[in-house]
Amino acid sequence: MSLFRKLFGSKSDKEKEEETTSQGGKYMPPVKLPIDESFMINFKDNGGKFLYCDTMNEVYDNMALIIEENNWQDKSAYFYDQNLKQSFNDLYLNTSGLSDATYFVSTCENLISDDGSILLSSNQLAEKKLSEFPTNIIIFATTSQIVTNIGEGLREIKTKNANKIPTNISTIKLFKPAAENDFLTYGSPSKNLYLLLLEDL
């Protein structure tokens, strides 16, 4: 290899061709991932913990493992959704009011693929702010709830709740403490979030 190539990193025609082929061509648009795959990548990049489940039994097993991993056996859970609370009755979870809870168990409206965030509304939060909820959150959702962007999620909320559109619409996007100089996440509460995702498609 010549001295100039070492210094300036010039590539041979063959190397350039291999690189172009691996990237899908110089003028080709970037490869678009399926929305479920894109969501998983962005969600994990945000610091979220993701558990894929094929059946409800796997959901219950993973829920038990989350509680065991965090030593929450003697801690209290808060459920706003009473139907969800009934679903997890067999796990004999300690439950309490919001102010005494160590972790919050909830459903969500949608999972947003573009930025890996969780879309919630008054159906899950009532009229409370996210900052009023425990730092630890376990979200139960299904693969059919994954949408491309927030606009699509908002349309789904409107369609599903035509008679009474829920208020207090919010997203959780930060699942790890933000750097002090990260002004983009200023005012966004960081949550230690687990996602139990059930395959339903």
N, C-alpha and C. Protein backbone atom coordinates (compact mmCIF):
# COMPACT_ATOMS: atom_id res chain seq x y z
N MET A 1 0.86 -1.19 0.00
CA MET A 1 0.00 0.00 0.00
C MET A 1 0.89 1.24 0.00
N SER A 2 0.57 2.23 -0.83
CA SER A 2 1.41 3.42 -0.92
C SER A 2 1.26 4.30 0.31
N LEU A 3 2.25 5.17 0.51
CA LEU A 3 2.25 6.08 1.66
C LEU A 3 1.04 7.01 1.62
N PHE A 4 0.70 7.54 0.42
CA PHE A 4 -0.44 8.45 0.30
C PHE A 4 -1.75 7.76 0.66
N ARG A 5 -1.90 6.51 0.24
CA ARG A 5 -3.14 5.78 0.55
C ARG A 5 -3.26 5.57 2.05
N LYS A 6 -2.13 5.28 2.71
CA LYS A 6 -2.14 5.11 4.17
C LYS A 6 -2.55 6.40 4.86
N LEU A 7 -1.98 7.52 4.37
CA LEU A 7 -2.24 8.80 5.00
C LEU A 7 -3.66 9.31 4.76
N PHE A 8 -4.12 9.20 3.53
CA PHE A 8 -5.40 9.80 3.16
C PHE A 8 -6.55 8.80 3.05
N GLY A 9 -6.29 7.54 3.28
CA GLY A 9 -7.34 6.53 3.30
C GLY A 9 -8.01 6.31 1.97
N SER A 10 -7.30 6.49 0.87
CA SER A 10 -7.87 6.26 -0.45
C SER A 10 -8.21 4.79 -0.61
N LYS A 11 -9.37 4.52 -1.20
CA LYS A 11 -9.82 3.13 -1.36
C LYS A 11 -9.69 2.71 -2.80
N SER A 12 -9.41 1.43 -2.98
CA SER A 12 -9.33 0.89 -4.33
C SER A 12 -10.73 0.84 -4.93
N ASP A 13 -10.81 0.70 -6.26
CA ASP A 13 -12.11 0.61 -6.93
C ASP A 13 -12.91 -0.57 -6.39
N LYS A 14 -12.21 -1.67 -6.11
CA LYS A 14 -12.89 -2.87 -5.61
C LYS A 14 -13.51 -2.60 -4.23
N GLU A 15 -12.73 -1.93 -3.36
CA GLU A 15 -13.23 -1.61 -2.02
C GLU A 15 -14.46 -0.70 -2.11
N LYS A 16 -14.39 0.31 -3.00
CA LYS A 16 -15.52 1.22 -3.18
C LYS A 16 -16.76 0.49 -3.67
N GLU A 17 -16.55 -0.44 -4.61
CA GLU A 17 -17.67 -1.20 -5.17
C GLU A 17 -18.33 -2.07 -4.10
N GLU A 18 -17.49 -2.72 -3.27
CA GLU A 18 -18.02 -3.58 -2.20
C GLU A 18 -18.82 -2.75 -1.20
N GLU A 19 -18.31 -1.55 -0.87
CA GLU A 19 -19.00 -0.68 0.09
C GLU A 19 -20.33 -0.22 -0.48
N THR A 20 -20.35 0.18 -1.76
CA THR A 20 -21.58 0.65 -2.40
C THR A 20 -22.62 -0.47 -2.45
N THR A 21 -22.17 -1.69 -2.79
CA THR A 21 -23.09 -2.83 -2.86
C THR A 21 -23.70 -3.12 -1.49
N SER A 22 -22.86 -3.07 -0.42
CA SER A 22 -23.36 -3.37 0.92
C SER A 22 -24.34 -2.32 1.40
N GLN A 23 -24.24 -1.08 0.88
CA GLN A 23 -25.15 -0.02 1.29
C GLN A 23 -26.39 0.06 0.40
N GLY A 24 -26.47 -0.80 -0.61
CA GLY A 24 -27.65 -0.84 -1.47
C GLY A 24 -27.54 0.10 -2.65
N GLY A 25 -26.37 0.56 -3.00
CA GLY A 25 -26.21 1.44 -4.16
C GLY A 25 -26.09 2.89 -3.75
N LYS A 26 -25.30 3.62 -4.50
CA LYS A 26 -25.00 5.02 -4.18
C LYS A 26 -26.24 5.90 -4.20
N TYR A 27 -27.13 5.68 -5.16
CA TYR A 27 -28.30 6.55 -5.32
C TYR A 27 -29.60 5.91 -4.83
N MET A 28 -29.48 4.76 -4.20
CA MET A 28 -30.68 4.09 -3.68
C MET A 28 -31.14 4.77 -2.39
N PRO A 29 -32.45 4.83 -2.16
CA PRO A 29 -32.93 5.39 -0.88
C PRO A 29 -32.55 4.44 0.25
N PRO A 30 -32.41 4.96 1.47
CA PRO A 30 -32.05 4.08 2.58
C PRO A 30 -33.09 2.98 2.79
N VAL A 31 -32.63 1.82 3.23
CA VAL A 31 -33.53 0.69 3.44
C VAL A 31 -34.44 1.01 4.62
N LYS A 32 -35.76 0.87 4.40
CA LYS A 32 -36.73 1.16 5.45
C LYS A 32 -37.07 -0.13 6.19
N LEU A 33 -36.84 -0.13 7.50
CA LEU A 33 -37.11 -1.31 8.31
C LEU A 33 -38.62 -1.46 8.54
N PRO A 34 -39.10 -2.70 8.76
CA PRO A 34 -40.51 -2.88 9.16
C PRO A 34 -40.76 -2.11 10.46
N ILE A 35 -42.00 -1.63 10.67
CA ILE A 35 -42.25 -0.76 11.82
C ILE A 35 -42.00 -1.46 13.16
N ASP A 36 -42.26 -2.77 13.25
CA ASP A 36 -42.02 -3.45 14.53
C ASP A 36 -40.53 -3.50 14.85
N GLU A 37 -39.72 -3.77 13.83
CA GLU A 37 -38.27 -3.82 14.02
C GLU A 37 -37.72 -2.43 14.35
N SER A 38 -38.22 -1.43 13.65
CA SER A 38 -37.80 -0.04 13.89
C SER A 38 -38.16 0.39 15.31
N PHE A 39 -39.38 0.02 15.77
CA PHE A 39 -39.79 0.35 17.13
C PHE A 39 -38.84 -0.28 18.14
N MET A 40 -38.55 -1.57 17.97
CA MET A 40 -37.70 -2.28 18.94
C MET A 40 -36.31 -1.64 19.04
N ILE A 41 -35.74 -1.28 17.89
CA ILE A 41 -34.40 -0.66 17.88
C ILE A 41 -34.44 0.69 18.60
N ASN A 42 -35.42 1.54 18.25
CA ASN A 42 -35.52 2.87 18.86
C ASN A 42 -35.86 2.80 20.34
N PHE A 43 -36.74 1.87 20.70
CA PHE A 43 -37.13 1.69 22.11
C PHE A 43 -35.91 1.30 22.95
N LYS A 44 -35.13 0.34 22.45
CA LYS A 44 -33.93 -0.09 23.18
C LYS A 44 -32.88 1.02 23.23
N ASP A 45 -32.76 1.80 22.15
CA ASP A 45 -31.83 2.94 22.14
C ASP A 45 -32.22 3.98 23.19
N ASN A 46 -33.52 4.10 23.47
CA ASN A 46 -34.00 5.04 24.50
C ASN A 46 -33.77 4.51 25.91
N GLY A 47 -33.34 3.25 26.01
CA GLY A 47 -33.07 2.66 27.33
C GLY A 47 -34.17 1.76 27.86
N GLY A 48 -35.18 1.47 27.03
CA GLY A 48 -36.28 0.62 27.46
C GLY A 48 -35.89 -0.86 27.51
N LYS A 49 -36.59 -1.61 28.34
CA LYS A 49 -36.36 -3.06 28.46
C LYS A 49 -37.56 -3.76 27.84
N PHE A 50 -37.27 -4.65 26.91
CA PHE A 50 -38.30 -5.20 26.04
C PHE A 50 -38.37 -6.72 26.21
N LEU A 51 -39.60 -7.25 26.46
CA LEU A 51 -39.80 -8.69 26.59
C LEU A 51 -40.90 -9.12 25.64
N TYR A 52 -40.52 -9.89 24.64
CA TYR A 52 -41.47 -10.36 23.62
C TYR A 52 -42.16 -11.62 24.13
N CYS A 53 -43.48 -11.70 23.98
CA CYS A 53 -44.25 -12.83 24.49
C CYS A 53 -45.16 -13.39 23.39
N ASP A 54 -45.18 -14.71 23.26
CA ASP A 54 -46.05 -15.38 22.28
C ASP A 54 -47.44 -15.63 22.84
N THR A 55 -47.52 -15.84 24.16
CA THR A 55 -48.80 -16.18 24.80
C THR A 55 -48.97 -15.38 26.09
N MET A 56 -50.19 -15.39 26.62
CA MET A 56 -50.45 -14.71 27.90
C MET A 56 -49.68 -15.39 29.03
N ASN A 57 -49.47 -16.71 28.93
CA ASN A 57 -48.68 -17.39 29.97
C ASN A 57 -47.26 -16.84 30.02
N GLU A 58 -46.70 -16.53 28.85
CA GLU A 58 -45.36 -15.92 28.81
C GLU A 58 -45.38 -14.53 29.42
N VAL A 59 -46.48 -13.80 29.20
CA VAL A 59 -46.63 -12.46 29.81
C VAL A 59 -46.57 -12.59 31.33
N TYR A 60 -47.34 -13.54 31.90
CA TYR A 60 -47.36 -13.73 33.35
C TYR A 60 -45.99 -14.16 33.86
N ASP A 61 -45.34 -15.07 33.13
CA ASP A 61 -44.00 -15.55 33.54
C ASP A 61 -43.00 -14.39 33.55
N ASN A 62 -43.03 -13.58 32.51
CA ASN A 62 -42.09 -12.45 32.42
C ASN A 62 -42.39 -11.39 33.47
N MET A 63 -43.66 -11.19 33.77
CA MET A 63 -44.03 -10.24 34.83
C MET A 63 -43.45 -10.70 36.16
N ALA A 64 -43.58 -11.99 36.44
CA ALA A 64 -43.04 -12.56 37.68
C ALA A 64 -41.52 -12.40 37.73
N LEU A 65 -40.85 -12.58 36.59
CA LEU A 65 -39.39 -12.43 36.53
C LEU A 65 -38.96 -10.98 36.76
N ILE A 66 -39.72 -10.02 36.23
CA ILE A 66 -39.41 -8.60 36.44
C ILE A 66 -39.48 -8.28 37.94
N ILE A 67 -40.54 -8.77 38.58
CA ILE A 67 -40.73 -8.52 40.02
C ILE A 67 -39.59 -9.15 40.82
N GLU A 68 -39.23 -10.37 40.45
CA GLU A 68 -38.13 -11.07 41.14
C GLU A 68 -36.79 -10.35 40.92
N GLU A 69 -36.53 -9.96 39.69
CA GLU A 69 -35.26 -9.29 39.35
C GLU A 69 -35.07 -8.00 40.15
N ASN A 70 -36.16 -7.28 40.39
CA ASN A 70 -36.08 -5.99 41.08
C ASN A 70 -36.38 -6.08 42.58
N ASN A 71 -36.61 -7.30 43.08
CA ASN A 71 -36.96 -7.51 44.50
C ASN A 71 -38.19 -6.71 44.91
N TRP A 72 -39.23 -6.79 44.06
CA TRP A 72 -40.47 -6.06 44.34
C TRP A 72 -41.54 -6.96 44.98
N GLN A 73 -41.15 -8.15 45.45
CA GLN A 73 -42.14 -9.08 46.00
C GLN A 73 -42.93 -8.45 47.15
N ASP A 74 -42.27 -7.63 47.96
CA ASP A 74 -42.95 -7.00 49.10
C ASP A 74 -43.33 -5.55 48.82
N LYS A 75 -43.16 -5.12 47.57
CA LYS A 75 -43.49 -3.75 47.19
C LYS A 75 -44.87 -3.70 46.55
N SER A 76 -45.42 -2.52 46.45
CA SER A 76 -46.78 -2.37 45.94
C SER A 76 -46.80 -1.89 44.49
N ALA A 77 -47.79 -2.40 43.76
CA ALA A 77 -48.03 -2.00 42.37
C ALA A 77 -49.27 -1.10 42.34
N TYR A 78 -49.30 -0.17 41.38
CA TYR A 78 -50.48 0.65 41.17
C TYR A 78 -51.08 0.33 39.81
N PHE A 79 -52.37 0.02 39.78
CA PHE A 79 -53.12 -0.21 38.54
C PHE A 79 -54.22 0.84 38.46
N TYR A 80 -54.23 1.63 37.40
CA TYR A 80 -55.38 2.51 37.15
C TYR A 80 -56.46 1.71 36.42
N ASP A 81 -56.04 0.85 35.50
CA ASP A 81 -56.95 0.03 34.70
C ASP A 81 -57.34 -1.21 35.51
N GLN A 82 -58.58 -1.26 35.96
CA GLN A 82 -59.04 -2.37 36.80
C GLN A 82 -59.15 -3.69 36.04
N ASN A 83 -59.42 -3.63 34.74
CA ASN A 83 -59.45 -4.86 33.93
C ASN A 83 -58.06 -5.48 33.86
N LEU A 84 -57.04 -4.63 33.73
CA LEU A 84 -55.66 -5.12 33.70
C LEU A 84 -55.29 -5.72 35.06
N LYS A 85 -55.74 -5.09 36.11
CA LYS A 85 -55.49 -5.60 37.46
C LYS A 85 -56.07 -7.01 37.61
N GLN A 86 -57.29 -7.20 37.09
CA GLN A 86 -57.92 -8.53 37.13
C GLN A 86 -57.11 -9.55 36.35
N SER A 87 -56.54 -9.13 35.21
CA SER A 87 -55.74 -10.04 34.38
C SER A 87 -54.53 -10.60 35.12
N PHE A 88 -53.97 -9.78 36.03
CA PHE A 88 -52.76 -10.20 36.76
C PHE A 88 -53.07 -10.69 38.18
N ASN A 89 -54.35 -10.96 38.44
CA ASN A 89 -54.78 -11.42 39.77
C ASN A 89 -54.05 -12.67 40.25
N ASP A 90 -53.79 -13.60 39.33
CA ASP A 90 -53.17 -14.87 39.70
C ASP A 90 -51.74 -14.72 40.20
N LEU A 91 -51.13 -13.57 39.98
CA LEU A 91 -49.75 -13.35 40.45
C LEU A 91 -49.73 -12.87 41.90
N TYR A 92 -50.90 -12.60 42.47
CA TYR A 92 -51.03 -12.16 43.87
C TYR A 92 -50.11 -10.96 44.16
N LEU A 93 -50.20 -9.94 43.32
CA LEU A 93 -49.38 -8.75 43.50
C LEU A 93 -49.93 -7.90 44.64
N ASN A 94 -49.03 -7.28 45.39
CA ASN A 94 -49.46 -6.28 46.37
C ASN A 94 -49.86 -5.04 45.60
N THR A 95 -51.03 -4.50 45.89
CA THR A 95 -51.46 -3.29 45.20
C THR A 95 -51.76 -2.19 46.22
N SER A 96 -51.64 -0.96 45.77
CA SER A 96 -51.88 0.17 46.68
C SER A 96 -52.30 1.38 45.85
N GLY A 97 -52.49 2.49 46.54
CA GLY A 97 -52.76 3.75 45.87
C GLY A 97 -51.49 4.26 45.20
N LEU A 98 -51.66 5.26 44.37
CA LEU A 98 -50.54 5.79 43.59
C LEU A 98 -49.39 6.29 44.46
N SER A 99 -49.69 6.97 45.52
CA SER A 99 -48.63 7.59 46.34
C SER A 99 -47.74 6.57 47.04
N ASP A 100 -48.26 5.36 47.28
CA ASP A 100 -47.48 4.34 48.00
C ASP A 100 -46.85 3.29 47.08
N ALA A 101 -47.10 3.39 45.77
CA ALA A 101 -46.66 2.34 44.84
C ALA A 101 -45.19 2.48 44.46
N THR A 102 -44.54 1.32 44.30
CA THR A 102 -43.15 1.27 43.83
C THR A 102 -43.11 1.21 42.31
N TYR A 103 -44.13 0.55 41.72
CA TYR A 103 -44.18 0.45 40.26
C TYR A 103 -45.62 0.56 39.78
N PHE A 104 -45.75 1.02 38.54
CA PHE A 104 -47.05 1.26 37.91
C PHE A 104 -47.20 0.27 36.76
N VAL A 105 -48.32 -0.45 36.73
CA VAL A 105 -48.59 -1.42 35.66
C VAL A 105 -49.73 -0.86 34.82
N SER A 106 -49.51 -0.79 33.50
CA SER A 106 -50.49 -0.13 32.64
C SER A 106 -50.51 -0.70 31.23
N THR A 107 -51.57 -0.39 30.54
CA THR A 107 -51.63 -0.58 29.09
C THR A 107 -51.15 0.73 28.46
N CYS A 108 -51.28 0.88 27.16
CA CYS A 108 -50.96 2.14 26.49
C CYS A 108 -51.89 2.28 25.29
N GLU A 109 -51.84 3.43 24.66
CA GLU A 109 -52.63 3.63 23.44
C GLU A 109 -51.91 3.01 22.24
N ASN A 110 -50.64 3.40 22.07
CA ASN A 110 -49.86 2.91 20.93
C ASN A 110 -48.37 2.90 21.26
N LEU A 111 -47.64 2.17 20.44
CA LEU A 111 -46.17 2.15 20.47
C LEU A 111 -45.72 2.86 19.20
N ILE A 112 -44.88 3.88 19.33
CA ILE A 112 -44.50 4.71 18.19
C ILE A 112 -43.16 4.25 17.62
N SER A 113 -43.21 3.77 16.39
CA SER A 113 -42.02 3.18 15.75
C SER A 113 -40.91 4.20 15.50
N ASP A 114 -41.27 5.39 15.00
CA ASP A 114 -40.28 6.39 14.58
C ASP A 114 -39.29 6.80 15.67
N ASP A 115 -39.78 6.88 16.93
CA ASP A 115 -38.88 7.32 17.99
C ASP A 115 -38.84 6.37 19.20
N GLY A 116 -39.53 5.23 19.10
CA GLY A 116 -39.48 4.24 20.18
C GLY A 116 -40.17 4.69 21.45
N SER A 117 -41.19 5.54 21.32
CA SER A 117 -41.88 6.06 22.50
C SER A 117 -43.20 5.31 22.75
N ILE A 118 -43.77 5.54 23.93
CA ILE A 118 -45.04 4.94 24.34
C ILE A 118 -46.07 6.05 24.42
N LEU A 119 -47.19 5.89 23.72
CA LEU A 119 -48.25 6.90 23.71
C LEU A 119 -49.34 6.52 24.72
N LEU A 120 -49.61 7.44 25.65
CA LEU A 120 -50.60 7.21 26.71
C LEU A 120 -51.65 8.33 26.67
N SER A 121 -52.75 8.08 27.34
CA SER A 121 -53.80 9.11 27.43
C SER A 121 -54.46 9.00 28.79
N SER A 122 -55.55 9.75 28.96
CA SER A 122 -56.30 9.70 30.22
C SER A 122 -56.87 8.31 30.48
N ASN A 123 -56.95 7.46 29.46
CA ASN A 123 -57.39 6.07 29.67
C ASN A 123 -56.42 5.32 30.57
N GLN A 124 -55.16 5.74 30.58
CA GLN A 124 -54.15 5.10 31.42
C GLN A 124 -53.71 5.98 32.59
N LEU A 125 -53.76 7.30 32.41
CA LEU A 125 -53.19 8.22 33.40
C LEU A 125 -54.22 9.02 34.18
N ALA A 126 -55.51 8.88 33.84
CA ALA A 126 -56.54 9.77 34.36
C ALA A 126 -56.12 11.20 33.98
N GLU A 127 -56.13 12.13 34.92
CA GLU A 127 -55.72 13.50 34.59
C GLU A 127 -54.39 13.86 35.27
N LYS A 128 -53.64 12.84 35.65
CA LYS A 128 -52.37 13.07 36.35
C LYS A 128 -51.21 13.26 35.38
N LYS A 129 -50.15 13.92 35.86
CA LYS A 129 -48.94 14.10 35.06
C LYS A 129 -48.06 12.87 35.21
N LEU A 130 -47.26 12.62 34.20
CA LEU A 130 -46.34 11.47 34.26
C LEU A 130 -45.41 11.54 35.46
N SER A 131 -45.02 12.75 35.84
CA SER A 131 -44.09 12.92 36.97
C SER A 131 -44.71 12.46 38.29
N GLU A 132 -46.04 12.33 38.35
CA GLU A 132 -46.71 11.88 39.58
C GLU A 132 -46.68 10.36 39.74
N PHE A 133 -46.30 9.65 38.68
CA PHE A 133 -46.28 8.19 38.71
C PHE A 133 -44.91 7.69 39.16
N PRO A 134 -44.86 6.44 39.65
CA PRO A 134 -43.56 5.89 40.08
C PRO A 134 -42.55 5.88 38.94
N THR A 135 -41.29 5.86 39.30
CA THR A 135 -40.21 5.80 38.30
C THR A 135 -40.26 4.48 37.54
N ASN A 136 -40.70 3.42 38.22
CA ASN A 136 -40.75 2.08 37.62
C ASN A 136 -42.11 1.83 36.99
N ILE A 137 -42.10 1.50 35.69
CA ILE A 137 -43.35 1.27 34.95
C ILE A 137 -43.24 -0.02 34.16
N ILE A 138 -44.32 -0.81 34.19
CA ILE A 138 -44.42 -2.01 33.35
C ILE A 138 -45.61 -1.78 32.41
N ILE A 139 -45.33 -1.75 31.12
CA ILE A 139 -46.39 -1.55 30.11
C ILE A 139 -46.71 -2.88 29.44
N PHE A 140 -47.99 -3.18 29.36
CA PHE A 140 -48.46 -4.36 28.63
C PHE A 140 -49.09 -3.87 27.32
N ALA A 141 -48.57 -4.36 26.19
CA ALA A 141 -49.08 -3.94 24.88
C ALA A 141 -49.05 -5.11 23.92
N THR A 142 -49.67 -4.92 22.76
CA THR A 142 -49.68 -5.96 21.73
C THR A 142 -49.02 -5.43 20.45
N THR A 143 -48.57 -6.34 19.61
CA THR A 143 -47.88 -5.94 18.37
C THR A 143 -48.79 -5.13 17.45
N SER A 144 -50.10 -5.32 17.53
CA SER A 144 -51.02 -4.56 16.67
C SER A 144 -51.10 -3.10 17.07
N GLN A 145 -50.55 -2.74 18.23
CA GLN A 145 -50.57 -1.35 18.69
C GLN A 145 -49.38 -0.53 18.16
N ILE A 146 -48.47 -1.18 17.43
CA ILE A 146 -47.32 -0.45 16.88
C ILE A 146 -47.77 0.35 15.66
N VAL A 147 -47.50 1.65 15.70
CA VAL A 147 -47.81 2.54 14.57
C VAL A 147 -46.53 3.30 14.18
N THR A 148 -46.54 3.89 13.00
CA THR A 148 -45.33 4.53 12.48
C THR A 148 -44.96 5.79 13.24
N ASN A 149 -45.93 6.68 13.48
CA ASN A 149 -45.61 7.96 14.12
C ASN A 149 -46.75 8.41 15.03
N ILE A 150 -46.51 9.53 15.73
CA ILE A 150 -47.50 10.02 16.69
C ILE A 150 -48.80 10.42 15.99
N GLY A 151 -48.69 11.01 14.79
CA GLY A 151 -49.89 11.39 14.04
C GLY A 151 -50.81 10.21 13.81
N GLU A 152 -50.22 9.08 13.44
CA GLU A 152 -51.02 7.86 13.21
C GLU A 152 -51.63 7.38 14.53
N GLY A 153 -50.86 7.48 15.61
CA GLY A 153 -51.37 7.09 16.93
C GLY A 153 -52.55 7.94 17.36
N LEU A 154 -52.45 9.24 17.12
CA LEU A 154 -53.55 10.15 17.48
C LEU A 154 -54.81 9.86 16.67
N ARG A 155 -54.63 9.52 15.39
CA ARG A 155 -55.79 9.15 14.55
C ARG A 155 -56.45 7.89 15.10
N GLU A 156 -55.64 6.92 15.54
CA GLU A 156 -56.20 5.69 16.10
C GLU A 156 -56.98 5.97 17.38
N ILE A 157 -56.45 6.85 18.22
CA ILE A 157 -57.15 7.21 19.47
C ILE A 157 -58.51 7.81 19.13
N LYS A 158 -58.52 8.70 18.15
CA LYS A 158 -59.77 9.36 17.74
C LYS A 158 -60.76 8.34 17.18
N THR A 159 -60.28 7.40 16.36
CA THR A 159 -61.15 6.39 15.75
C THR A 159 -61.73 5.45 16.80
N LYS A 160 -60.87 4.99 17.75
CA LYS A 160 -61.32 4.03 18.77
C LYS A 160 -62.27 4.65 19.78
N ASN A 161 -62.14 5.97 19.98
CA ASN A 161 -62.93 6.65 21.02
C ASN A 161 -63.76 7.77 20.41
N ALA A 162 -64.48 7.45 19.34
CA ALA A 162 -65.23 8.48 18.58
C ALA A 162 -66.22 9.23 19.46
N ASN A 163 -66.86 8.53 20.41
CA ASN A 163 -67.87 9.18 21.25
C ASN A 163 -67.27 10.11 22.30
N LYS A 164 -66.10 9.70 22.84
CA LYS A 164 -65.46 10.53 23.87
C LYS A 164 -63.95 10.41 23.71
N ILE A 165 -63.35 11.40 23.09
CA ILE A 165 -61.91 11.36 22.84
C ILE A 165 -61.18 11.61 24.16
N PRO A 166 -60.24 10.72 24.53
CA PRO A 166 -59.53 10.91 25.79
C PRO A 166 -58.65 12.15 25.78
N THR A 167 -58.44 12.69 26.96
CA THR A 167 -57.58 13.88 27.11
C THR A 167 -56.24 13.43 27.69
N ASN A 168 -55.46 14.38 28.13
CA ASN A 168 -54.17 14.11 28.80
C ASN A 168 -53.29 13.17 27.98
N ILE A 169 -53.17 13.43 26.70
CA ILE A 169 -52.35 12.59 25.82
C ILE A 169 -50.88 12.94 26.02
N SER A 170 -50.07 11.91 26.24
CA SER A 170 -48.67 12.12 26.56
C SER A 170 -47.84 10.96 26.03
N THR A 171 -46.53 11.18 25.90
CA THR A 171 -45.64 10.09 25.50
C THR A 171 -44.51 9.95 26.51
N ILE A 172 -44.06 8.71 26.67
CA ILE A 172 -42.84 8.44 27.45
C ILE A 172 -41.81 8.02 26.42
N LYS A 173 -40.69 8.71 26.42
CA LYS A 173 -39.64 8.40 25.45
C LYS A 173 -38.30 8.14 26.12
N LEU A 174 -38.15 8.61 27.35
CA LEU A 174 -36.86 8.53 28.03
C LEU A 174 -36.91 7.43 29.09
N PHE A 175 -36.10 6.39 28.89
CA PHE A 175 -36.11 5.26 29.80
C PHE A 175 -34.78 5.08 30.53
N LYS A 176 -33.98 6.13 30.52
CA LYS A 176 -32.71 6.14 31.27
C LYS A 176 -32.43 7.59 31.63
N PRO A 177 -31.69 7.84 32.70
CA PRO A 177 -31.42 9.24 33.07
C PRO A 177 -30.73 9.99 31.94
N ALA A 178 -31.18 11.21 31.66
CA ALA A 178 -30.60 12.01 30.58
C ALA A 178 -29.35 12.72 31.08
N ALA A 179 -28.44 12.98 30.15
CA ALA A 179 -27.25 13.77 30.48
C ALA A 179 -27.69 15.18 30.86
N GLU A 180 -26.97 15.80 31.77
CA GLU A 180 -27.35 17.13 32.26
C GLU A 180 -27.42 18.17 31.15
N ASN A 181 -26.57 18.03 30.14
CA ASN A 181 -26.54 19.03 29.07
C ASN A 181 -27.44 18.68 27.89
N ASP A 182 -28.31 17.67 28.05
CA ASP A 182 -29.22 17.27 26.97
C ASP A 182 -30.50 18.08 27.05
N PHE A 183 -30.52 19.26 26.39
CA PHE A 183 -31.67 20.15 26.47
C PHE A 183 -32.90 19.59 25.75
N LEU A 184 -32.72 18.61 24.84
CA LEU A 184 -33.86 18.05 24.10
C LEU A 184 -34.81 17.27 25.00
N THR A 185 -34.29 16.76 26.13
CA THR A 185 -35.13 15.98 27.03
C THR A 185 -35.48 16.75 28.30
N TYR A 186 -35.20 18.06 28.30
CA TYR A 186 -35.47 18.87 29.48
C TYR A 186 -36.97 18.82 29.83
N GLY A 187 -37.26 18.54 31.09
CA GLY A 187 -38.64 18.49 31.55
C GLY A 187 -39.33 17.15 31.31
N SER A 188 -38.67 16.22 30.60
CA SER A 188 -39.25 14.90 30.37
C SER A 188 -38.82 13.96 31.50
N PRO A 189 -39.79 13.39 32.23
CA PRO A 189 -39.39 12.51 33.32
C PRO A 189 -38.80 11.20 32.77
N SER A 190 -37.68 10.80 33.37
CA SER A 190 -37.05 9.53 32.98
C SER A 190 -37.74 8.40 33.76
N LYS A 191 -38.08 7.32 33.06
CA LYS A 191 -38.76 6.19 33.70
C LYS A 191 -37.98 4.90 33.45
N ASN A 192 -37.94 4.05 34.46
CA ASN A 192 -37.36 2.72 34.33
C ASN A 192 -38.49 1.84 33.78
N LEU A 193 -38.50 1.62 32.46
CA LEU A 193 -39.68 1.04 31.83
C LEU A 193 -39.42 -0.34 31.23
N TYR A 194 -40.32 -1.25 31.55
CA TYR A 194 -40.33 -2.59 30.95
C TYR A 194 -41.54 -2.67 30.04
N LEU A 195 -41.36 -3.28 28.87
CA LEU A 195 -42.47 -3.48 27.94
C LEU A 195 -42.71 -4.98 27.76
N LEU A 196 -43.90 -5.43 28.13
CA LEU A 196 -44.33 -6.80 27.86
C LEU A 196 -45.15 -6.75 26.58
N LEU A 197 -44.55 -7.22 25.48
CA LEU A 197 -45.19 -7.11 24.17
C LEU A 197 -45.73 -8.47 23.73
N LEU A 198 -47.04 -8.57 23.60
CA LEU A 198 -47.71 -9.81 23.21
C LEU A 198 -47.96 -9.83 21.71
N GLU A 199 -47.55 -10.88 21.06
CA GLU A 199 -47.79 -11.08 19.63
C GLU A 199 -49.27 -11.37 19.41
N ASP A 200 -49.95 -10.52 18.64
CA ASP A 200 -51.37 -10.77 18.36
C ASP A 200 -51.70 -10.63 16.88
N LEU A 201 -50.69 -10.62 16.03
CA LEU A 201 -50.93 -10.52 14.58
C LEU A 201 -50.70 -11.85 13.88
